[in-house]
């Protein structure tokens, strides 16, 4: 099931289940995981993309092992908020993934997540090689943390 808005996604995720966040790139998929309380996102893995079937199998393997209750995909909107070819590719990935899993799939605006991840790695004085190795899963954790913060805010609203 694809949830176009975060409210529907929040309602579809079972209680006490982690959420997986993905930063889809052309060559890699950054993967981040939340804790079961949905408070903290942590970088988990970078998957080298091969074919959709292999990529999806690895993602669903992680989801099953970690008892994930939902999947968030970073939606790479243009800076003006419009959707270009990368958004279409992300939406196609989500449609294909729904054929393989019952997990709810949601989107999160990922504008500037990679920039924020790069800045954090530079501040941590990570080498160029190290930054290249971890940038995607760090970006995925920024995307997922945005979702977790929004969910926490929604729970505290009257």
N, C-alpha and C. Protein backbone atom coordinates (compact mmCIF):
# COMPACT_ATOMS: atom_id res chain seq x y z
N UNK A 1 0.84 -1.18 0.00
CA UNK A 1 0.00 0.00 0.00
C UNK A 1 0.89 1.25 0.00
N UNK A 2 0.60 2.15 -0.93
CA UNK A 2 1.35 3.40 -0.99
C UNK A 2 0.53 4.48 -0.30
N UNK A 3 1.15 5.16 0.65
CA UNK A 3 0.51 6.24 1.40
C UNK A 3 1.06 7.56 0.89
N UNK A 4 0.21 8.34 0.25
CA UNK A 4 0.67 9.61 -0.31
C UNK A 4 0.93 10.65 0.77
N UNK A 5 0.27 10.53 1.91
CA UNK A 5 0.57 11.51 2.97
C UNK A 5 0.96 10.80 4.26
N UNK A 6 1.69 11.53 5.07
CA UNK A 6 2.33 10.95 6.26
C UNK A 6 1.29 10.52 7.30
N UNK A 7 0.12 11.15 7.31
CA UNK A 7 -0.93 10.77 8.26
C UNK A 7 -1.42 9.34 7.97
N UNK A 8 -1.63 9.04 6.69
CA UNK A 8 -2.07 7.68 6.31
C UNK A 8 -0.96 6.67 6.61
N UNK A 9 0.28 7.06 6.36
CA UNK A 9 1.41 6.17 6.64
C UNK A 9 1.46 5.86 8.13
N UNK A 10 1.35 6.90 8.96
CA UNK A 10 1.40 6.72 10.43
C UNK A 10 0.31 5.76 10.89
N UNK A 11 -0.88 5.87 10.31
CA UNK A 11 -2.00 5.01 10.71
C UNK A 11 -1.76 3.56 10.27
N UNK A 12 -0.99 3.36 9.21
CA UNK A 12 -0.78 2.02 8.65
C UNK A 12 0.36 1.24 9.32
N UNK A 13 1.26 1.96 10.00
CA UNK A 13 2.40 1.29 10.63
C UNK A 13 1.96 0.70 11.98
N UNK A 14 2.15 -0.62 12.17
CA UNK A 14 1.76 -1.23 13.44
C UNK A 14 2.57 -0.67 14.61
N UNK A 15 2.00 -0.65 15.81
CA UNK A 15 2.74 -0.14 16.97
C UNK A 15 3.98 -0.99 17.26
N UNK A 16 4.97 -0.35 17.82
CA UNK A 16 6.22 -0.99 18.25
C UNK A 16 6.95 -1.70 17.10
N UNK A 17 6.87 -1.13 15.92
CA UNK A 17 7.60 -1.63 14.77
C UNK A 17 8.50 -0.53 14.24
N UNK A 18 9.70 -0.91 13.85
CA UNK A 18 10.64 0.04 13.26
C UNK A 18 10.18 0.44 11.86
N UNK A 19 10.76 1.51 11.36
CA UNK A 19 10.52 1.97 9.99
C UNK A 19 11.87 2.03 9.29
N UNK A 20 11.87 1.69 8.02
CA UNK A 20 13.09 1.73 7.21
C UNK A 20 12.99 2.96 6.30
N UNK A 21 14.07 3.69 6.17
CA UNK A 21 14.12 4.86 5.30
C UNK A 21 15.11 4.61 4.18
N UNK A 22 14.74 5.02 2.96
CA UNK A 22 15.58 4.77 1.79
C UNK A 22 15.89 6.05 1.04
N UNK A 23 17.15 6.17 0.65
CA UNK A 23 17.59 7.24 -0.24
C UNK A 23 17.99 6.55 -1.55
N UNK A 24 17.09 6.62 -2.55
CA UNK A 24 17.33 5.93 -3.82
C UNK A 24 18.22 6.76 -4.72
N UNK A 25 19.32 6.17 -5.13
CA UNK A 25 20.19 6.81 -6.11
C UNK A 25 20.27 5.94 -7.35
N UNK A 26 20.95 6.41 -8.37
CA UNK A 26 21.10 5.63 -9.59
C UNK A 26 21.97 4.40 -9.37
N UNK A 27 22.99 4.54 -8.52
CA UNK A 27 23.95 3.45 -8.33
C UNK A 27 23.82 2.76 -6.98
N UNK A 28 23.24 3.45 -6.00
CA UNK A 28 23.15 2.91 -4.65
C UNK A 28 21.79 3.23 -4.03
N UNK A 29 21.49 2.49 -2.96
CA UNK A 29 20.32 2.78 -2.12
C UNK A 29 20.84 2.91 -0.70
N UNK A 30 20.69 4.09 -0.13
CA UNK A 30 21.03 4.30 1.27
C UNK A 30 19.90 3.79 2.13
N UNK A 31 20.24 3.04 3.18
CA UNK A 31 19.24 2.44 4.06
C UNK A 31 19.47 2.91 5.49
N UNK A 32 18.41 3.37 6.13
CA UNK A 32 18.45 3.74 7.55
C UNK A 32 17.30 3.02 8.25
N UNK A 33 17.46 2.80 9.54
CA UNK A 33 16.43 2.13 10.34
C UNK A 33 16.11 2.97 11.57
N UNK A 34 14.85 2.92 11.97
CA UNK A 34 14.47 3.57 13.22
C UNK A 34 14.49 2.53 14.33
N UNK A 35 14.37 3.02 15.54
CA UNK A 35 14.13 2.12 16.68
C UNK A 35 12.63 1.82 16.71
N UNK A 36 12.23 0.93 17.60
CA UNK A 36 10.81 0.54 17.67
C UNK A 36 9.92 1.65 18.24
N UNK A 37 10.51 2.60 18.96
CA UNK A 37 9.73 3.70 19.51
C UNK A 37 9.57 4.85 18.52
N UNK A 38 10.17 4.69 17.35
CA UNK A 38 10.12 5.69 16.28
C UNK A 38 10.67 7.05 16.74
N UNK A 39 11.79 7.00 17.43
CA UNK A 39 12.37 8.26 17.89
C UNK A 39 13.71 8.57 17.24
N UNK A 40 14.50 7.57 16.88
CA UNK A 40 15.85 7.81 16.36
C UNK A 40 16.08 7.01 15.07
N UNK A 41 16.61 7.70 14.06
CA UNK A 41 17.00 7.04 12.81
C UNK A 41 18.50 6.82 12.83
N UNK A 42 18.92 5.64 12.39
CA UNK A 42 20.35 5.32 12.34
C UNK A 42 20.71 4.81 10.96
N UNK A 43 21.86 5.27 10.43
CA UNK A 43 22.33 4.73 9.14
C UNK A 43 22.54 3.24 9.29
N UNK A 44 22.20 2.47 8.25
CA UNK A 44 22.31 1.02 8.37
C UNK A 44 23.22 0.41 7.30
N UNK A 45 22.95 0.71 6.04
CA UNK A 45 23.67 0.02 4.97
C UNK A 45 23.53 0.81 3.68
N UNK A 46 24.49 0.62 2.78
CA UNK A 46 24.37 1.13 1.42
C UNK A 46 24.36 -0.07 0.49
N UNK A 47 23.30 -0.17 -0.28
CA UNK A 47 23.15 -1.28 -1.22
C UNK A 47 23.62 -0.81 -2.59
N UNK A 48 24.53 -1.54 -3.20
CA UNK A 48 24.93 -1.27 -4.59
C UNK A 48 23.83 -1.79 -5.49
N UNK A 49 23.25 -0.90 -6.30
CA UNK A 49 22.12 -1.31 -7.14
C UNK A 49 22.57 -2.25 -8.24
N UNK A 50 21.74 -3.26 -8.46
CA UNK A 50 21.99 -4.23 -9.53
C UNK A 50 20.76 -4.24 -10.43
N UNK A 51 19.79 -5.09 -10.09
CA UNK A 51 18.51 -5.12 -10.78
C UNK A 51 17.43 -4.94 -9.72
N UNK A 52 16.26 -4.47 -10.13
CA UNK A 52 15.20 -4.22 -9.16
C UNK A 52 14.95 -5.44 -8.29
N UNK A 53 14.84 -6.62 -8.88
CA UNK A 53 14.53 -7.83 -8.12
C UNK A 53 15.54 -8.11 -7.03
N UNK A 54 16.82 -7.94 -7.33
CA UNK A 54 17.88 -8.17 -6.34
C UNK A 54 17.87 -7.08 -5.27
N UNK A 55 17.69 -5.84 -5.70
CA UNK A 55 17.64 -4.72 -4.74
C UNK A 55 16.46 -4.88 -3.79
N UNK A 56 15.28 -5.20 -4.34
CA UNK A 56 14.08 -5.38 -3.52
C UNK A 56 14.25 -6.55 -2.57
N UNK A 57 14.86 -7.64 -3.05
CA UNK A 57 15.06 -8.81 -2.19
C UNK A 57 15.91 -8.45 -0.98
N UNK A 58 16.98 -7.68 -1.19
CA UNK A 58 17.83 -7.27 -0.06
C UNK A 58 17.05 -6.36 0.89
N UNK A 59 16.30 -5.41 0.37
CA UNK A 59 15.52 -4.51 1.23
C UNK A 59 14.49 -5.28 2.05
N UNK A 60 13.82 -6.21 1.43
CA UNK A 60 12.80 -6.99 2.15
C UNK A 60 13.44 -7.96 3.14
N UNK A 61 14.65 -8.40 2.85
CA UNK A 61 15.41 -9.24 3.79
C UNK A 61 15.73 -8.43 5.06
N UNK A 62 16.18 -7.19 4.87
CA UNK A 62 16.46 -6.30 6.01
C UNK A 62 15.16 -6.05 6.79
N UNK A 63 14.09 -5.73 6.05
CA UNK A 63 12.80 -5.43 6.69
C UNK A 63 12.31 -6.61 7.53
N UNK A 64 12.45 -7.81 7.01
CA UNK A 64 12.00 -8.99 7.75
C UNK A 64 12.87 -9.24 8.98
N UNK A 65 14.18 -9.13 8.82
CA UNK A 65 15.11 -9.39 9.93
C UNK A 65 14.92 -8.38 11.06
N UNK A 66 14.58 -7.14 10.72
CA UNK A 66 14.43 -6.08 11.71
C UNK A 66 12.99 -5.84 12.12
N UNK A 67 12.08 -6.70 11.62
CA UNK A 67 10.65 -6.58 11.94
C UNK A 67 10.13 -5.17 11.68
N UNK A 68 10.38 -4.69 10.48
CA UNK A 68 9.99 -3.35 10.07
C UNK A 68 8.49 -3.30 9.81
N UNK A 69 7.88 -2.18 10.16
CA UNK A 69 6.44 -2.00 9.97
C UNK A 69 6.07 -1.07 8.83
N UNK A 70 7.06 -0.43 8.19
CA UNK A 70 6.78 0.48 7.09
C UNK A 70 8.06 0.93 6.41
N UNK A 71 7.91 1.44 5.20
CA UNK A 71 9.05 1.87 4.38
C UNK A 71 8.81 3.31 3.95
N UNK A 72 9.83 4.15 4.14
CA UNK A 72 9.79 5.53 3.68
C UNK A 72 10.80 5.70 2.55
N UNK A 73 10.35 6.28 1.45
CA UNK A 73 11.24 6.59 0.34
C UNK A 73 11.43 8.10 0.27
N UNK A 74 12.68 8.53 0.19
CA UNK A 74 12.94 9.95 -0.02
C UNK A 74 12.46 10.33 -1.41
N UNK A 75 11.65 11.38 -1.50
CA UNK A 75 11.12 11.83 -2.78
C UNK A 75 11.92 13.07 -3.21
N UNK A 76 12.73 12.91 -4.26
CA UNK A 76 13.65 13.99 -4.66
C UNK A 76 12.98 15.08 -5.49
N UNK A 77 12.17 15.89 -4.85
CA UNK A 77 11.50 16.99 -5.56
C UNK A 77 12.53 18.03 -6.00
N UNK A 78 12.14 18.79 -7.03
CA UNK A 78 12.97 19.93 -7.44
C UNK A 78 12.84 21.01 -6.37
N UNK A 79 13.77 21.96 -6.39
CA UNK A 79 13.75 23.00 -5.35
C UNK A 79 12.46 23.81 -5.36
N UNK A 80 11.78 23.90 -6.50
CA UNK A 80 10.51 24.64 -6.56
C UNK A 80 9.32 23.77 -6.14
N UNK A 81 9.59 22.52 -5.72
CA UNK A 81 8.54 21.63 -5.25
C UNK A 81 7.95 20.75 -6.34
N UNK A 82 8.30 21.01 -7.58
CA UNK A 82 7.77 20.18 -8.67
C UNK A 82 8.47 18.82 -8.70
N UNK A 83 7.87 17.90 -9.44
CA UNK A 83 8.43 16.56 -9.55
C UNK A 83 9.00 16.34 -10.94
N UNK A 84 10.25 15.90 -10.99
CA UNK A 84 10.91 15.62 -12.25
C UNK A 84 11.10 14.13 -12.45
N UNK A 85 12.01 13.76 -13.34
CA UNK A 85 12.26 12.35 -13.66
C UNK A 85 12.69 11.50 -12.45
N UNK A 86 13.45 12.06 -11.54
CA UNK A 86 13.89 11.28 -10.37
C UNK A 86 12.71 10.94 -9.47
N UNK A 87 11.74 11.83 -9.34
CA UNK A 87 10.53 11.53 -8.56
C UNK A 87 9.73 10.43 -9.25
N UNK A 88 9.63 10.51 -10.56
CA UNK A 88 8.90 9.47 -11.31
C UNK A 88 9.56 8.12 -11.10
N UNK A 89 10.89 8.09 -11.11
CA UNK A 89 11.63 6.85 -10.90
C UNK A 89 11.38 6.30 -9.48
N UNK A 90 11.35 7.19 -8.49
CA UNK A 90 11.09 6.78 -7.11
C UNK A 90 9.67 6.23 -6.97
N UNK A 91 8.72 6.88 -7.59
CA UNK A 91 7.33 6.41 -7.53
C UNK A 91 7.19 5.05 -8.24
N UNK A 92 7.91 4.86 -9.34
CA UNK A 92 7.89 3.56 -10.04
C UNK A 92 8.48 2.47 -9.15
N UNK A 93 9.57 2.79 -8.44
CA UNK A 93 10.20 1.85 -7.51
C UNK A 93 9.17 1.44 -6.45
N UNK A 94 8.45 2.42 -5.90
CA UNK A 94 7.44 2.14 -4.87
C UNK A 94 6.33 1.25 -5.42
N UNK A 95 5.85 1.55 -6.63
CA UNK A 95 4.79 0.72 -7.23
C UNK A 95 5.26 -0.72 -7.41
N UNK A 96 6.49 -0.89 -7.88
CA UNK A 96 7.04 -2.23 -8.06
C UNK A 96 7.20 -2.95 -6.72
N UNK A 97 7.62 -2.20 -5.70
CA UNK A 97 7.83 -2.79 -4.38
C UNK A 97 6.51 -3.24 -3.74
N UNK A 98 5.43 -2.51 -4.00
CA UNK A 98 4.13 -2.89 -3.42
C UNK A 98 3.66 -4.25 -3.94
N UNK A 99 4.16 -4.68 -5.08
CA UNK A 99 3.79 -6.00 -5.60
C UNK A 99 4.47 -7.12 -4.82
N UNK A 100 5.50 -6.78 -4.04
CA UNK A 100 6.29 -7.77 -3.32
C UNK A 100 6.08 -7.76 -1.82
N UNK A 101 5.42 -6.74 -1.29
CA UNK A 101 5.26 -6.62 0.16
C UNK A 101 3.93 -5.97 0.53
N UNK A 102 3.44 -6.32 1.71
CA UNK A 102 2.23 -5.70 2.25
C UNK A 102 2.57 -4.47 3.10
N UNK A 103 3.87 -4.22 3.33
CA UNK A 103 4.27 -3.08 4.17
C UNK A 103 3.79 -1.77 3.57
N UNK A 104 3.30 -0.85 4.41
CA UNK A 104 2.95 0.46 3.89
C UNK A 104 4.21 1.20 3.43
N UNK A 105 4.08 1.91 2.32
CA UNK A 105 5.19 2.69 1.76
C UNK A 105 4.77 4.14 1.71
N UNK A 106 5.61 5.00 2.26
CA UNK A 106 5.33 6.43 2.26
C UNK A 106 6.48 7.20 1.64
N UNK A 107 6.22 8.47 1.39
CA UNK A 107 7.24 9.35 0.79
C UNK A 107 7.56 10.48 1.76
N UNK A 108 8.79 10.98 1.64
CA UNK A 108 9.20 12.16 2.41
C UNK A 108 10.05 13.04 1.52
N UNK A 109 9.73 14.32 1.51
CA UNK A 109 10.48 15.29 0.70
C UNK A 109 11.94 15.28 1.15
N UNK A 110 12.81 14.90 0.26
CA UNK A 110 14.21 14.75 0.65
C UNK A 110 15.10 15.91 0.19
N UNK A 111 14.50 17.01 -0.24
CA UNK A 111 15.32 18.13 -0.69
C UNK A 111 16.37 18.47 0.36
N UNK A 112 17.58 18.57 -0.08
CA UNK A 112 18.75 18.96 0.73
C UNK A 112 19.21 17.92 1.74
N UNK A 113 18.64 16.72 1.75
CA UNK A 113 19.10 15.70 2.70
C UNK A 113 20.55 15.30 2.43
N UNK A 114 20.91 15.16 1.16
CA UNK A 114 22.28 14.79 0.83
C UNK A 114 23.24 15.93 1.17
N UNK A 115 22.78 17.17 0.97
CA UNK A 115 23.60 18.33 1.33
C UNK A 115 23.85 18.34 2.84
N UNK A 116 22.80 18.09 3.62
CA UNK A 116 22.94 18.05 5.08
C UNK A 116 23.87 16.92 5.51
N UNK A 117 23.74 15.77 4.86
CA UNK A 117 24.60 14.62 5.20
C UNK A 117 26.06 14.94 4.87
N UNK A 118 26.29 15.53 3.72
CA UNK A 118 27.65 15.91 3.31
C UNK A 118 28.25 16.90 4.31
N UNK A 119 27.46 17.88 4.72
CA UNK A 119 27.93 18.88 5.68
C UNK A 119 28.30 18.23 7.01
N UNK A 120 27.46 17.30 7.47
CA UNK A 120 27.74 16.61 8.74
C UNK A 120 29.03 15.80 8.63
N UNK A 121 29.24 15.14 7.50
CA UNK A 121 30.46 14.35 7.32
C UNK A 121 31.69 15.23 7.23
N UNK A 122 31.56 16.39 6.60
CA UNK A 122 32.68 17.33 6.54
C UNK A 122 33.02 17.85 7.94
N UNK A 123 31.98 18.16 8.71
CA UNK A 123 32.21 18.63 10.08
C UNK A 123 32.85 17.56 10.94
N UNK A 124 32.57 16.29 10.62
CA UNK A 124 33.17 15.18 11.36
C UNK A 124 34.57 14.85 10.82
N UNK A 125 35.00 15.63 9.83
CA UNK A 125 36.33 15.48 9.25
C UNK A 125 36.51 14.11 8.59
N UNK A 126 35.43 13.59 7.99
CA UNK A 126 35.52 12.31 7.29
C UNK A 126 36.30 12.49 5.99
N UNK A 127 37.11 11.51 5.65
CA UNK A 127 37.89 11.58 4.42
C UNK A 127 36.95 11.49 3.21
N UNK A 128 37.44 11.91 2.06
CA UNK A 128 36.65 11.86 0.84
C UNK A 128 36.18 10.42 0.57
N UNK A 129 37.08 9.46 0.77
CA UNK A 129 36.75 8.04 0.56
C UNK A 129 35.64 7.61 1.52
N UNK A 130 35.77 7.96 2.78
CA UNK A 130 34.78 7.59 3.79
C UNK A 130 33.43 8.25 3.49
N UNK A 131 33.47 9.53 3.08
CA UNK A 131 32.21 10.22 2.74
C UNK A 131 31.50 9.49 1.61
N UNK A 132 32.26 9.07 0.59
CA UNK A 132 31.65 8.36 -0.55
C UNK A 132 31.02 7.04 -0.10
N UNK A 133 31.62 6.39 0.88
CA UNK A 133 31.11 5.10 1.36
C UNK A 133 29.81 5.22 2.14
N UNK A 134 29.65 6.31 2.87
CA UNK A 134 28.52 6.40 3.81
C UNK A 134 27.49 7.48 3.49
N UNK A 135 27.73 8.31 2.47
CA UNK A 135 26.85 9.45 2.22
C UNK A 135 25.39 9.02 2.02
N UNK A 136 25.17 7.90 1.32
CA UNK A 136 23.79 7.50 1.01
C UNK A 136 23.03 7.03 2.23
N UNK A 137 23.66 6.25 3.11
CA UNK A 137 22.90 5.82 4.29
C UNK A 137 22.78 6.94 5.32
N UNK A 138 23.71 7.89 5.32
CA UNK A 138 23.56 9.08 6.18
C UNK A 138 22.39 9.91 5.66
N UNK A 139 22.31 10.10 4.34
CA UNK A 139 21.18 10.84 3.75
C UNK A 139 19.86 10.13 4.06
N UNK A 140 19.85 8.80 4.00
CA UNK A 140 18.64 8.04 4.34
C UNK A 140 18.25 8.29 5.79
N UNK A 141 19.23 8.40 6.68
CA UNK A 141 18.90 8.63 8.08
C UNK A 141 18.35 10.05 8.29
N UNK A 142 18.82 11.03 7.50
CA UNK A 142 18.24 12.39 7.57
C UNK A 142 16.78 12.35 7.11
N UNK A 143 16.51 11.63 6.02
CA UNK A 143 15.15 11.50 5.51
C UNK A 143 14.26 10.86 6.59
N UNK A 144 14.72 9.73 7.12
CA UNK A 144 13.93 9.00 8.10
C UNK A 144 13.74 9.82 9.38
N UNK A 145 14.76 10.53 9.82
CA UNK A 145 14.62 11.33 11.04
C UNK A 145 13.58 12.42 10.84
N UNK A 146 13.49 12.99 9.64
CA UNK A 146 12.44 13.98 9.35
C UNK A 146 11.05 13.38 9.54
N UNK A 147 10.88 12.15 9.08
CA UNK A 147 9.61 11.46 9.24
C UNK A 147 9.33 11.21 10.73
N UNK A 148 10.33 10.70 11.44
CA UNK A 148 10.14 10.41 12.87
C UNK A 148 9.79 11.66 13.65
N UNK A 149 10.45 12.77 13.34
CA UNK A 149 10.14 14.04 14.02
C UNK A 149 8.70 14.47 13.73
N UNK A 150 8.27 14.30 12.48
CA UNK A 150 6.89 14.65 12.12
C UNK A 150 5.90 13.76 12.85
N UNK A 151 6.18 12.46 12.91
CA UNK A 151 5.29 11.53 13.62
C UNK A 151 5.18 11.90 15.09
N UNK A 152 6.31 12.23 15.71
CA UNK A 152 6.30 12.62 17.12
C UNK A 152 5.46 13.89 17.31
N UNK A 153 5.59 14.84 16.39
CA UNK A 153 4.82 16.08 16.45
C UNK A 153 3.33 15.78 16.31
N UNK A 154 2.98 14.86 15.41
CA UNK A 154 1.57 14.50 15.19
C UNK A 154 0.99 13.87 16.45
N UNK A 155 1.77 13.06 17.16
CA UNK A 155 1.27 12.41 18.38
C UNK A 155 1.05 13.42 19.50
N UNK A 156 1.80 14.52 19.48
CA UNK A 156 1.67 15.49 20.57
C UNK A 156 0.62 16.56 20.28
N UNK A 157 0.08 16.55 19.05
CA UNK A 157 -0.97 17.55 18.73
C UNK A 157 -2.27 17.14 19.43
N UNK A 158 -3.03 18.14 19.91
CA UNK A 158 -4.30 17.83 20.59
C UNK A 158 -5.35 17.30 19.64
